[in-house]
Amino acid sequence: MRTTSFDIFLQSFRGALLLAVWLAFSQSSLLVAQVPSSARQIIVSKAATWNSNTAMMQCYQRASATAPWQPVFSKAVPVLLGRSGLAWGRGVFNPPQNGIPAKVEKDWRAPAGVFQLGMLFGNAAKAPTGARWPYLQVGPWDAYVDDSTNPYYNQHVRVNPSRVPPWFEKQKMRLGDDAYKWMLEIRHNQKPAAPGYGSAIFFHVRRGPTKPSAGCTTMAVENLERMLRWLDPQAYPHYVLLPQADYGYLRAAWHLP
């Protein structure tokens, strides 16, 4: 069958129409997502762009679901992100990408979106003085698995020292590393863990004021400890990480500060 210029136009028109519908659906899906009303504490990091590996972080709290958010720190503090920037993560919801890549293993990007917080790990016998968050001291038999073929992918595991699995040596948590003095789980890709979509995402101590991470949110130890002392498990805190422009677009719909 001969293809006419009208056929080509019609195919292009249909393609453009389908793209417009998909974009509209994606944007509306993003606008529906929001921080749960039960959350009375929120940590917000805003990066300049999707390719930025730095951001500014502020903590906020509110008295109730309808009360306004109030900043906690006198000013936002600098944090470091993944070396390659940000990608959409799998947190409280899995947003459509809208041309932005999804977070995957070893992409050197920090997951963007809204996330619950998990366990606080550390080398010390106890959490920072004044911290109320659930804490687990890391020992010689603790691992956090980033191998997507492992059934314990993106999970903390404490193995039996009398039956150490062959994969343990490559997956064990590093002891004595100053950057891992405190490690607070950012619950990316845990409901459930989808193989290959990223693992072991934490708040932890930065390795230097200009050295980005592999995908975690890192900061000076004093700022991390101040945040840990502020966190209240009863306030159902969440973490929001977005580029500045996307934050502005989604702020009202997501009920952000």
Protein backbone atom coordinates (compact mmCIF):
# COMPACT_ATOMS: atom_id res chain seq x y z
CA MET A 1 0.00 0.00 0.00
CA ARG A 2 1.32 3.41 -0.92
CA THR A 3 2.02 5.76 1.97
CA THR A 4 0.83 9.29 1.33
CA SER A 5 1.86 12.51 2.99
CA PHE A 6 -1.56 12.53 4.69
CA ASP A 7 -0.85 9.08 6.19
CA ILE A 8 2.44 10.33 7.54
CA PHE A 9 0.71 13.39 9.00
CA LEU A 10 -1.98 11.22 10.57
CA GLN A 11 0.57 8.89 12.16
CA SER A 12 2.50 11.86 13.54
CA PHE A 13 -0.69 13.41 14.87
CA ARG A 14 -1.72 10.18 16.60
CA GLY A 15 1.76 9.84 18.11
CA ALA A 16 1.67 13.41 19.42
CA LEU A 17 -1.83 12.90 20.81
CA LEU A 18 -0.82 9.72 22.64
CA LEU A 19 2.23 11.48 24.05
CA ALA A 20 0.12 14.40 25.26
CA VAL A 21 -2.36 12.03 26.94
CA TRP A 22 0.46 10.13 28.61
CA LEU A 23 2.10 13.31 29.88
CA ALA A 24 -1.20 14.61 31.20
CA PHE A 25 -1.82 11.31 33.00
CA SER A 26 1.71 11.32 34.42
CA GLN A 27 1.42 14.87 35.69
CA SER A 28 -1.99 14.20 37.26
CA SER A 29 -0.58 11.09 38.95
CA LEU A 30 2.25 13.13 40.40
CA LEU A 31 -0.19 15.73 41.68
CA VAL A 32 -2.21 13.09 43.53
CA ALA A 33 0.80 11.87 45.52
CA GLN A 34 1.58 13.65 48.77
CA VAL A 35 3.15 13.40 52.20
CA PRO A 36 0.80 11.41 54.49
CA SER A 37 -1.39 13.60 56.69
CA SER A 38 -0.17 11.63 59.73
CA ALA A 39 3.36 12.99 59.26
CA ARG A 40 4.22 15.79 61.70
CA GLN A 41 7.91 15.91 60.86
CA ILE A 42 9.46 16.19 57.42
CA ILE A 43 13.02 16.47 56.13
CA VAL A 44 13.29 18.36 52.84
CA SER A 45 16.31 18.49 50.52
CA LYS A 46 16.16 20.64 47.39
CA ALA A 47 18.73 20.31 44.62
CA ALA A 48 19.30 22.87 41.86
CA THR A 49 18.59 20.38 39.03
CA TRP A 50 18.20 16.65 38.36
CA ASN A 51 21.93 16.48 37.64
CA SER A 52 23.04 18.27 40.82
CA ASN A 53 25.02 16.33 43.42
CA THR A 54 24.48 18.91 46.16
CA ALA A 55 21.34 20.20 47.89
CA MET A 56 20.15 22.25 50.83
CA MET A 57 18.31 20.47 53.64
CA GLN A 58 15.81 21.83 56.17
CA CYS A 59 13.71 20.04 58.78
CA TYR A 60 10.11 21.04 59.44
CA GLN A 61 7.46 20.12 61.98
CA ARG A 62 3.76 20.79 62.50
CA ALA A 63 1.33 20.34 65.36
CA SER A 64 -1.33 18.57 63.27
CA ALA A 65 -2.25 17.60 59.72
CA THR A 66 -3.87 20.99 59.14
CA ALA A 67 -1.28 23.13 60.92
CA PRO A 68 1.39 24.98 58.90
CA TRP A 69 4.90 23.54 58.65
CA GLN A 70 7.50 25.36 60.75
CA PRO A 71 11.27 25.26 60.07
CA VAL A 72 13.39 23.67 62.79
CA PHE A 73 16.91 24.85 61.95
CA SER A 74 17.74 28.55 61.84
CA LYS A 75 18.92 27.99 58.26
CA ALA A 76 19.12 25.13 55.76
CA VAL A 77 22.28 23.01 55.83
CA PRO A 78 24.29 21.72 52.84
CA VAL A 79 24.08 18.05 51.92
CA LEU A 80 25.70 15.92 49.24
CA LEU A 81 23.84 13.55 46.92
CA GLY A 82 24.75 10.92 44.34
CA ARG A 83 27.67 11.81 42.09
CA SER A 84 25.43 11.82 38.99
CA GLY A 85 22.48 13.68 40.55
CA LEU A 86 18.94 12.41 41.12
CA ALA A 87 16.51 9.89 39.62
CA TRP A 88 12.94 9.00 40.56
CA GLY A 89 12.93 6.59 43.50
CA ARG A 90 10.50 4.00 44.80
CA GLY A 91 9.22 5.34 48.11
CA VAL A 92 5.75 6.12 49.47
CA PHE A 93 4.68 5.95 45.81
CA ASN A 94 6.38 5.20 42.50
CA PRO A 95 5.93 8.33 40.38
CA PRO A 96 5.92 8.23 36.58
CA GLN A 97 9.24 9.30 35.15
CA ASN A 98 8.12 12.09 32.77
CA GLY A 99 11.38 11.73 30.89
CA ILE A 100 13.43 11.47 34.09
CA PRO A 101 15.12 8.10 34.66
CA ALA A 102 14.14 5.76 37.48
CA LYS A 103 16.74 5.00 40.11
CA VAL A 104 18.63 1.77 39.33
CA GLU A 105 21.53 -0.04 40.94
CA LYS A 106 24.98 1.51 40.50
CA ASP A 107 23.72 4.60 38.63
CA TRP A 108 25.32 6.97 41.17
CA ARG A 109 22.03 8.85 41.58
CA ALA A 110 20.06 9.67 44.72
CA PRO A 111 16.40 8.61 44.71
CA ALA A 112 13.95 11.51 44.46
CA GLY A 113 10.43 11.42 45.90
CA VAL A 114 8.86 10.88 49.33
CA PHE A 115 10.30 8.25 51.66
CA GLN A 116 9.72 6.74 55.07
CA LEU A 117 12.67 6.30 57.41
CA GLY A 118 13.94 2.95 58.66
CA MET A 119 16.49 1.76 61.22
CA LEU A 120 19.37 3.84 62.54
CA PHE A 121 22.66 1.90 62.41
CA GLY A 122 26.00 2.84 63.88
CA ASN A 123 29.36 1.73 65.21
CA ALA A 124 28.79 3.02 68.75
CA ALA A 125 27.16 1.05 71.54
CA LYS A 126 24.38 3.64 71.75
CA ALA A 127 22.69 6.18 69.50
CA PRO A 128 23.67 9.87 69.82
CA THR A 129 22.76 11.26 73.22
CA GLY A 130 19.16 12.46 73.15
CA ALA A 131 18.18 10.46 70.04
CA ARG A 132 14.89 8.55 70.28
CA TRP A 133 15.06 6.68 66.99
CA PRO A 134 15.29 2.84 66.94
CA TYR A 135 18.99 1.99 66.91
CA LEU A 136 21.08 -1.07 66.07
CA GLN A 137 24.82 -1.28 66.66
CA VAL A 138 26.63 -2.78 63.68
CA GLY A 139 28.69 -5.86 64.54
CA PRO A 140 31.04 -8.17 62.65
CA TRP A 141 28.19 -10.28 61.24
CA ASP A 142 25.97 -7.52 59.86
CA ALA A 143 25.41 -7.08 56.13
CA TYR A 144 23.36 -4.78 53.93
CA VAL A 145 22.83 -6.47 50.57
CA ASP A 146 23.22 -4.61 47.26
CA ASP A 147 23.38 -7.72 45.06
CA SER A 148 20.08 -7.80 43.13
CA THR A 149 20.34 -11.59 42.66
CA ASN A 150 20.45 -12.17 46.41
CA PRO A 151 17.13 -13.02 48.13
CA TYR A 152 18.06 -10.49 50.85
CA TYR A 153 18.50 -7.66 48.32
CA ASN A 154 18.18 -4.20 49.90
CA GLN A 155 17.83 -5.63 53.39
CA HIS A 156 19.86 -5.66 56.57
CA VAL A 157 20.92 -9.17 57.54
CA ARG A 158 22.75 -10.46 60.60
CA VAL A 159 24.21 -13.82 59.63
CA ASN A 160 24.90 -16.81 61.84
CA PRO A 161 28.67 -16.86 62.47
CA SER A 162 28.64 -20.66 62.47
CA ARG A 163 27.07 -20.72 58.99
CA VAL A 164 28.47 -17.73 57.11
CA PRO A 165 27.07 -17.62 53.54
CA PRO A 166 29.54 -17.27 50.65
CA TRP A 167 28.18 -13.85 49.67
CA PHE A 168 28.72 -12.29 53.10
CA GLU A 169 32.26 -10.96 52.62
CA LYS A 170 31.20 -8.67 49.76
CA GLN A 171 28.01 -7.52 51.49
CA LYS A 172 29.08 -6.93 55.09
CA MET A 173 28.66 -3.51 56.63
CA ARG A 174 31.96 -1.69 57.06
CA LEU A 175 33.12 -1.34 60.64
CA GLY A 176 35.13 1.64 61.87
CA ASP A 177 34.42 3.83 58.82
CA ASP A 178 33.86 7.41 59.99
CA ALA A 179 31.38 8.01 57.15
CA TYR A 180 29.23 5.22 58.57
CA LYS A 181 29.36 6.41 62.17
CA TRP A 182 25.58 6.86 61.88
CA MET A 183 23.46 5.45 59.05
CA LEU A 184 19.74 6.18 58.94
CA GLU A 185 17.79 4.15 56.37
CA ILE A 186 15.95 6.07 53.66
CA ARG A 187 13.32 3.52 52.72
CA HIS A 188 13.79 3.47 48.98
CA ASN A 189 12.72 0.35 47.06
CA GLN A 190 11.60 -1.62 50.11
CA LYS A 191 7.87 -2.24 49.54
CA PRO A 192 8.89 -4.77 48.30
CA ALA A 193 12.43 -4.55 46.98
CA ALA A 194 12.42 -4.73 43.18
CA PRO A 195 15.68 -6.29 41.94
CA GLY A 196 17.94 -3.77 40.26
CA TYR A 197 16.11 -0.60 41.32
CA GLY A 198 18.62 0.54 43.92
CA SER A 199 19.62 -0.42 47.44
CA ALA A 200 21.33 0.68 50.65
CA ILE A 201 20.21 4.33 50.65
CA PHE A 202 20.99 6.18 53.88
CA PHE A 203 21.57 9.48 55.58
CA HIS A 204 25.19 9.27 56.71
CA VAL A 205 28.28 11.37 57.42
CA ARG A 206 29.90 12.97 54.39
CA ARG A 207 33.42 11.97 53.36
CA GLY A 208 34.35 15.56 52.72
CA PRO A 209 32.62 18.91 52.10
CA THR A 210 32.75 18.48 48.31
CA LYS A 211 32.73 14.69 47.84
CA PRO A 212 29.36 13.33 46.60
CA SER A 213 28.03 9.89 47.47
CA ALA A 214 26.98 6.85 45.48
CA GLY A 215 23.31 7.76 46.04
CA CYS A 216 22.91 8.54 49.74
CA THR A 217 22.27 11.93 51.36
CA THR A 218 25.35 12.88 53.36
CA MET A 219 26.25 15.83 55.56
CA ALA A 220 28.59 17.07 58.29
CA VAL A 221 28.42 14.87 61.38
CA GLU A 222 27.16 17.70 63.60
CA ASN A 223 24.20 18.35 61.29
CA LEU A 224 23.36 14.65 61.08
CA GLU A 225 23.45 14.27 64.87
CA ARG A 226 21.29 17.37 65.31
CA MET A 227 18.73 15.86 62.92
CA LEU A 228 18.84 12.50 64.71
CA ARG A 229 18.16 14.14 68.08
CA TRP A 230 15.17 15.99 66.61
CA LEU A 231 13.51 12.98 64.98
CA ASP A 232 10.50 11.65 66.87
CA PRO A 233 9.16 8.17 65.96
CA GLN A 234 5.71 9.27 67.14
CA ALA A 235 5.71 12.11 64.58
CA TYR A 236 5.90 9.70 61.60
CA PRO A 237 8.69 11.62 59.84
CA HIS A 238 9.28 11.42 56.08
CA TYR A 239 12.03 12.52 53.72
CA VAL A 240 11.42 14.53 50.54
CA LEU A 241 14.13 14.97 47.94
CA LEU A 242 13.42 16.93 44.73
CA PRO A 243 15.00 19.44 42.38
CA GLN A 244 14.00 23.03 43.15
CA ALA A 245 11.70 23.49 40.13
CA ASP A 246 9.86 20.20 40.72
CA TYR A 247 9.47 21.06 44.38
CA GLY A 248 7.84 24.34 43.44
CA TYR A 249 5.50 22.60 41.01
CA LEU A 250 4.47 19.90 43.49
CA ARG A 251 4.56 21.86 46.74
CA ALA A 252 0.87 22.66 47.09
CA ALA A 253 -0.42 19.31 45.82
CA TRP A 254 1.92 17.34 48.07
CA HIS A 255 1.26 19.62 51.08
CA LEU A 256 4.93 20.46 51.44
CA PRO A 257 6.43 23.32 53.47
